[in-house]
Amino acid sequence: MAVDRIKPLILSLGALFLLSACAETQLIAHTAKRISKPEPRSPVSGKYKIGNPYQIKGVWYYPKESFDHVETGIASWYGRKFHLRKTANGEVFDMNELTAAHRTLQMPSFVQVTNLENGRSLKLRVNDRGPFAHGRIIDVSRRAAQLLGFERKGTARVRVRILGAESRALAQRLTGSGTQVARADLPIRSDVQVAKPGVASETLAPPPGAVSNAPVDATPRRRVAVRQERVTVAPSQPDGSVTVEMVEDTKLYVQAGSFIRWDNAHRVRARLFQIRDVKITSFIDGEREFFRVRSGPHHHVADADRVLEIMIHLGYDNARIVVE
């Protein structure tokens, strides 16, 4: 009788064990599938592109190749709305990668973006065109905005400096043009071909009057041609390393233009009478004096944006927000 009562219990426990094992197996399989599924990632480098002049809201922009570009201004960021869409040079935009959009720099290229408000500095890869707002100089990915510390705020005063050596190496890699020389400050890797001079040696006869114990070799000498080897240089990819620089006070201006003649600057200032605090300031560049027509300083980006739109509406398409 006891045995008969135990059998159903054993069978029930066995069934529960099998169901538990099946559920655990399904959970492991589902988890493995989720982990092994690759996340969408944009290519390391896309098509090299400079592009033709184009307009954004009536203002013309002229892309060009530059390896010494530096500018200051306002940065913004873009994310989910453009996630997984094609960029201007054919890559796939991933808001979680360290990329940026610039109006005129060649694509792809590398820039160092420094948030002048908190000192955070980050390397980014430019692979898109933008921003589309007049008062912005660069649009960074959401992840870049997080690391630079302005995702919640939306904008930041920044300095953008192109990394010339790395951007040049990337351009030569993608276009296959030019002879690139390996530099000590660049890593030696496997994806960019550059020329490196080989080493050749030749045994020379001793100078007249010198005594040599070496056996005399009457074989005619031939000059040994220098052999060209190939070594590789690859620009490093942005890895999310954030450096922190000293924070300095900055001021926000809206500049209508810069002129060589004071009377031209004065005429522009007169046309901007409806804007408050428009002044003419001079500066020396080389041996020449320039006269800048500016409004400011402004305390808020929104105020600078409003003044910029008025200047553009009055015909000053080259007006821009300046951070100093």
Foldseek 3Di string as FASTA:
>chain_A
DVVVVVVVVVVVVVVVVVVVVVVVVVVVVVVVVVVPDDDDDKDLFAAKDQDAWDDQPRFIDGADEDQWDKAKFKEFADEDVQAQHAAPRGIGDHLQDWAKAFAHYIPFFKKWKAFLAFQKIFIGTYHHHDDRAFAHGMYTRLNNCVLNPCNPVGMGIIMITTNRVQRVQVVCLNVVDDADDDDPPFDWDDRGKHKDKADDDDDDDDDPPDDDPDDDDPDDDDDDDIDIDITGTHHDHTDSDIDGDDHDDKFKKKWLDKAQDPVVLVVLLVVLVVAPQWDWDWDDDPHGIIIITIHDRDDDPVVSSVSNVVSVVSPSSVIYMHMD
